[in-house]
Amino acid sequence: MFGKHNWIARVALVLAPWVLIVAIWYGIRASGLINPALVPAPHQVLEKFIELSKGRLWQDIYMSTQRVFLGVTLGVLLAVPVGFCLGWYKGLRSFIDPVINFFRALPPIALIPLVIVYFGIGEAAKTAILFYASFFAGVIVMYEGIAQISPIFIKVARTLGASDLEIFGKVIVPLTIPHILTAVRVALGVAWATLVASELIAAQQGLGALIQNASSFFQLDIIYVGIICIGFIALAMDVALRIATRRLVAWQDRIA
């Protein structure tokens, strides 16, 4: 009985903020503060989603998800070893940190003209933009996390007679896994935020292209559909990563 009530309470807690957002959305539209023609109602956006689902929407979702996955995978694969080296070797970090922060501050959209020159207008250009965003987001998380690992773990391992290889495999790697997963989460968030910019490069398919085409014809309901799809796909990926993180680092003490 209590388990059922707890389950209902958890579901209600998850749904409550979304119900509140929809209520506020309807309230803003009905208030007259904004021209109703500029704010499609939630049910109108849902109807447009259903309509688009019968056509190109799923292909757009697939293309965008594929681009993000590829860009994040390549970015994180490079960010993990680079971030590890920067975090582990203080001298190297002091040397390269200003350069990393310089490039991290550059908005990917500002690089589009150069990306087109060097990579053309195909998939390579879109992947390059997402890779750029993912790499610098991931490398910052990695080296900040590695730099905060307490040296006492290594000292204890050495005291117990562990070799360098054993210390790396049984101490460093487990302590690094939470930071790798956090780097992936951050990189995914940044990549989805950069998606529309990457699909400015002559994309014919993708959620960013859907939004751009809809904006040309002032189709606000389609723009809302594209934005909401990006948000929910990013949310689903983040939830999946959080579940994986709990299982992979179950040994780690957490507040919640």
Protein backbone atom coordinates (compact mmCIF):
# COMPACT_ATOMS: atom_id res chain seq x y z
CA MET A 1 0.00 0.00 0.00
CA PHE A 2 2.71 2.43 1.04
CA GLY A 3 4.81 1.40 -1.98
CA LYS A 4 1.95 2.27 -4.33
CA HIS A 5 1.50 5.65 -2.67
CA ASN A 6 5.24 6.35 -2.94
CA TRP A 7 5.16 5.48 -6.64
CA ILE A 8 2.20 7.81 -7.24
CA ALA A 9 3.98 10.59 -5.29
CA ARG A 10 7.14 10.20 -7.39
CA VAL A 11 5.18 10.31 -10.65
CA ALA A 12 3.26 13.38 -9.45
CA LEU A 13 6.53 15.06 -8.47
CA VAL A 14 7.98 14.44 -11.95
CA LEU A 15 4.84 15.63 -13.77
CA ALA A 16 4.15 18.68 -11.58
CA PRO A 17 6.70 21.08 -13.13
CA TRP A 18 5.57 20.18 -16.67
CA VAL A 19 1.92 20.76 -15.78
CA LEU A 20 2.95 24.10 -14.27
CA ILE A 21 4.86 25.08 -17.43
CA VAL A 22 1.84 24.25 -19.63
CA ALA A 23 -0.45 26.22 -17.29
CA ILE A 24 1.88 29.24 -17.41
CA TRP A 25 2.07 28.88 -21.20
CA TYR A 26 -1.74 29.00 -21.49
CA GLY A 27 -1.83 31.85 -18.97
CA ILE A 28 0.63 34.00 -20.92
CA ARG A 29 -1.32 33.38 -24.12
CA ALA A 30 -4.63 34.29 -22.48
CA SER A 31 -3.28 37.32 -20.62
CA GLY A 32 -3.02 39.51 -23.69
CA LEU A 33 0.50 40.60 -22.74
CA ILE A 34 1.71 38.96 -25.95
CA ASN A 35 -0.18 38.77 -29.21
CA PRO A 36 -1.79 35.27 -29.22
CA ALA A 37 -0.76 34.91 -32.86
CA LEU A 38 2.86 34.92 -31.67
CA VAL A 39 2.34 32.22 -29.04
CA PRO A 40 0.81 29.00 -30.37
CA ALA A 41 -1.15 27.15 -27.69
CA PRO A 42 0.26 23.89 -26.31
CA HIS A 43 -2.52 21.84 -27.95
CA GLN A 44 -1.72 23.46 -31.29
CA VAL A 45 1.94 22.52 -30.93
CA LEU A 46 0.91 18.96 -30.03
CA GLU A 47 -1.31 18.79 -33.12
CA LYS A 48 1.59 20.00 -35.28
CA PHE A 49 3.88 17.41 -33.68
CA ILE A 50 1.42 14.64 -34.57
CA GLU A 51 1.12 16.01 -38.12
CA LEU A 52 4.91 16.21 -38.59
CA SER A 53 5.33 12.73 -37.06
CA LYS A 54 3.53 11.34 -40.10
CA GLY A 55 6.11 12.98 -42.34
CA ARG A 56 9.74 14.05 -41.94
CA LEU A 57 10.01 14.59 -38.18
CA TRP A 58 11.42 11.17 -37.23
CA GLN A 59 14.06 11.42 -39.95
CA ASP A 60 15.00 14.88 -38.66
CA ILE A 61 15.27 13.52 -35.12
CA TYR A 62 17.41 10.61 -36.35
CA MET A 63 19.79 12.87 -38.30
CA SER A 64 20.25 15.32 -35.43
CA THR A 65 20.75 12.55 -32.87
CA GLN A 66 23.29 10.87 -35.14
CA ARG A 67 25.24 14.10 -35.57
CA VAL A 68 25.26 14.83 -31.86
CA PHE A 69 26.26 11.27 -31.00
CA LEU A 70 29.16 11.32 -33.47
CA GLY A 71 30.38 14.78 -32.43
CA VAL A 72 30.19 13.98 -28.71
CA THR A 73 31.84 10.57 -29.13
CA LEU A 74 34.81 12.02 -31.01
CA GLY A 75 35.02 15.02 -28.68
CA VAL A 76 34.96 12.97 -25.47
CA LEU A 77 37.38 10.35 -26.83
CA LEU A 78 39.95 13.11 -27.21
CA ALA A 79 38.87 15.15 -24.18
CA VAL A 80 39.36 12.27 -21.71
CA PRO A 81 43.10 11.68 -22.31
CA VAL A 82 43.82 15.38 -22.77
CA GLY A 83 41.88 16.30 -19.63
CA PHE A 84 43.57 13.50 -17.71
CA CYS A 85 47.05 14.74 -18.67
CA LEU A 86 46.16 18.34 -17.83
CA GLY A 87 44.73 17.33 -14.48
CA TRP A 88 47.54 14.96 -13.56
CA TYR A 89 50.49 17.14 -14.58
CA LYS A 90 50.26 20.52 -12.91
CA GLY A 91 53.05 22.05 -15.00
CA LEU A 92 51.35 21.07 -18.25
CA ARG A 93 48.04 22.44 -16.94
CA SER A 94 49.60 25.81 -16.09
CA PHE A 95 51.14 25.94 -19.56
CA ILE A 96 48.09 25.02 -21.65
CA ASP A 97 45.19 26.23 -19.47
CA PRO A 98 45.03 29.76 -21.00
CA VAL A 99 44.86 28.27 -24.50
CA ILE A 100 42.07 25.85 -23.52
CA ASN A 101 40.03 28.63 -21.95
CA PHE A 102 40.62 30.90 -24.95
CA PHE A 103 39.14 28.39 -27.39
CA ARG A 104 36.42 27.33 -24.96
CA ALA A 105 35.15 30.91 -24.88
CA LEU A 106 34.76 31.10 -28.65
CA PRO A 107 31.13 30.43 -29.69
CA PRO A 108 30.96 27.61 -32.26
CA ILE A 109 28.63 29.66 -34.46
CA ALA A 110 31.45 32.21 -34.96
CA LEU A 111 33.59 29.46 -36.51
CA ILE A 112 31.06 28.44 -39.16
CA PRO A 113 32.68 30.49 -42.00
CA LEU A 114 36.08 28.88 -41.31
CA VAL A 115 34.55 25.42 -40.93
CA ILE A 116 32.89 25.79 -44.34
CA VAL A 117 36.22 26.80 -45.88
CA TYR A 118 38.11 23.85 -44.39
CA PHE A 119 35.45 21.12 -44.29
CA GLY A 120 32.93 22.15 -46.95
CA ILE A 121 29.18 22.01 -46.35
CA GLY A 122 28.71 18.28 -45.82
CA GLU A 123 28.40 16.16 -42.69
CA ALA A 124 32.08 16.67 -41.82
CA ALA A 125 31.45 20.38 -41.21
CA LYS A 126 28.51 19.73 -38.88
CA THR A 127 30.48 17.07 -37.01
CA ALA A 128 33.42 19.46 -36.68
CA ILE A 129 31.25 22.10 -34.99
CA LEU A 130 29.76 19.57 -32.55
CA PHE A 131 33.19 18.03 -31.92
CA TYR A 132 34.61 21.46 -31.10
CA ALA A 133 31.84 22.23 -28.62
CA SER A 134 32.01 18.77 -27.01
CA PHE A 135 35.77 18.60 -26.73
CA PHE A 136 36.31 21.86 -24.87
CA ALA A 137 33.34 21.27 -22.58
CA GLY A 138 34.58 17.76 -21.79
CA VAL A 139 38.23 18.60 -21.31
CA ILE A 140 37.46 21.30 -18.74
CA VAL A 141 35.32 18.92 -16.67
CA MET A 142 37.96 16.18 -16.91
CA TYR A 143 40.99 18.15 -15.86
CA GLU A 144 39.16 19.99 -13.08
CA GLY A 145 37.93 16.66 -11.74
CA ILE A 146 41.29 14.89 -12.00
CA ALA A 147 43.09 17.83 -10.37
CA GLN A 148 40.81 17.48 -7.33
CA ILE A 149 41.57 13.78 -6.74
CA SER A 150 43.15 13.54 -3.31
CA PRO A 151 46.78 12.27 -3.42
CA ILE A 152 46.12 10.38 -0.18
CA PHE A 153 44.60 7.49 -2.19
CA ILE A 154 47.87 7.03 -4.07
CA LYS A 155 49.96 7.35 -0.92
CA VAL A 156 47.87 4.69 0.83
CA ALA A 157 48.18 2.37 -2.19
CA ARG A 158 51.96 2.81 -2.26
CA THR A 159 52.13 2.17 1.49
CA LEU A 160 50.30 -1.13 0.92
CA GLY A 161 52.89 -2.08 -1.69
CA ALA A 162 50.93 -1.48 -4.89
CA SER A 163 52.91 -1.09 -8.10
CA ASP A 164 52.43 1.87 -10.46
CA LEU A 165 50.36 -0.34 -12.79
CA GLU A 166 48.14 -1.50 -9.93
CA ILE A 167 47.72 2.07 -8.69
CA PHE A 168 46.63 3.18 -12.15
CA GLY A 169 44.23 0.27 -12.71
CA LYS A 170 42.74 -0.06 -9.23
CA VAL A 171 42.91 3.51 -7.89
CA ILE A 172 43.20 6.09 -10.66
CA VAL A 173 40.79 4.52 -13.18
CA PRO A 174 37.90 4.02 -10.69
CA LEU A 175 38.37 7.57 -9.40
CA THR A 176 38.37 8.84 -12.98
CA ILE A 177 35.14 7.13 -14.12
CA PRO A 178 32.77 9.65 -12.39
CA HIS A 179 34.58 12.52 -14.09
CA ILE A 180 34.42 10.80 -17.50
CA LEU A 181 30.66 10.31 -17.13
CA THR A 182 30.24 13.92 -16.03
CA ALA A 183 32.29 15.05 -19.02
CA VAL A 184 29.99 13.06 -21.32
CA ARG A 185 26.90 14.62 -19.72
CA VAL A 186 28.26 18.15 -20.05
CA ALA A 187 29.45 17.51 -23.62
CA LEU A 188 26.02 16.16 -24.59
CA GLY A 189 24.29 19.23 -23.18
CA VAL A 190 26.63 21.59 -25.00
CA ALA A 191 26.34 19.62 -28.24
CA TRP A 192 22.54 19.75 -28.24
CA ALA A 193 22.75 23.48 -27.47
CA THR A 194 25.07 23.84 -30.48
CA LEU A 195 23.03 21.65 -32.81
CA VAL A 196 21.04 24.44 -34.47
CA ALA A 197 24.27 26.34 -35.17
CA SER A 198 25.87 23.26 -36.75
CA GLU A 199 22.84 22.67 -38.95
CA LEU A 200 23.05 26.19 -40.31
CA ILE A 201 25.66 24.70 -42.64
CA ALA A 202 23.41 23.77 -45.57
CA ALA A 203 21.53 21.06 -43.67
CA GLN A 204 18.52 19.62 -45.48
CA GLN A 205 17.51 17.36 -42.59
CA GLY A 206 17.70 17.63 -38.83
CA LEU A 207 15.84 19.47 -36.09
CA GLY A 208 18.00 22.55 -36.57
CA ALA A 209 17.15 22.58 -40.27
CA LEU A 210 13.47 22.11 -39.39
CA ILE A 211 13.62 25.15 -37.11
CA GLN A 212 15.53 27.24 -39.65
CA ASN A 213 13.11 26.42 -42.48
CA ALA A 214 10.11 27.12 -40.26
CA SER A 215 11.54 30.50 -39.23
CA SER A 216 11.78 31.52 -42.90
CA PHE A 217 8.00 31.08 -43.22
CA PHE A 218 7.12 32.29 -39.70
CA GLN A 219 5.73 28.85 -38.77
CA LEU A 220 5.93 29.29 -35.02
CA ASP A 221 4.22 26.03 -34.13
CA ILE A 222 6.89 24.06 -36.05
CA ILE A 223 9.64 26.07 -34.33
CA TYR A 224 8.15 25.12 -30.97
CA VAL A 225 8.00 21.46 -32.02
CA GLY A 226 11.67 21.49 -33.00
CA ILE A 227 12.78 23.21 -29.80
CA ILE A 228 10.73 20.89 -27.57
CA CYS A 229 12.05 17.79 -29.40
CA ILE A 230 15.65 18.93 -28.85
CA GLY A 231 14.95 19.52 -25.16
CA PHE A 232 13.27 16.17 -24.56
CA ILE A 233 15.87 14.14 -26.48
CA ALA A 234 18.66 15.86 -24.53
CA LEU A 235 16.74 15.20 -21.30
CA ALA A 236 16.28 11.51 -22.16
CA MET A 237 20.01 11.12 -22.86
CA ASP A 238 20.90 12.89 -19.62
CA VAL A 239 18.56 10.68 -17.59
CA ALA A 240 20.07 7.56 -19.20
CA LEU A 241 23.57 8.78 -18.33
CA ARG A 242 22.55 9.52 -14.75
CA ILE A 243 21.17 5.99 -14.37
CA ALA A 244 24.39 4.57 -15.83
CA THR A 245 26.43 6.77 -13.49
CA ARG A 246 24.59 5.48 -10.42
CA ARG A 247 25.30 1.89 -11.44
CA LEU A 248 28.91 2.37 -12.47
CA VAL A 249 29.91 4.40 -9.41
CA ALA A 250 27.65 2.81 -6.83
CA TRP A 251 30.70 2.59 -4.54
CA GLN A 252 30.98 6.39 -4.39
CA ASP A 253 29.44 8.23 -1.45
CA ARG A 254 26.75 10.64 -2.66
CA ILE A 255 24.52 13.11 -0.87
CA ALA A 256 21.53 12.05 -3.03
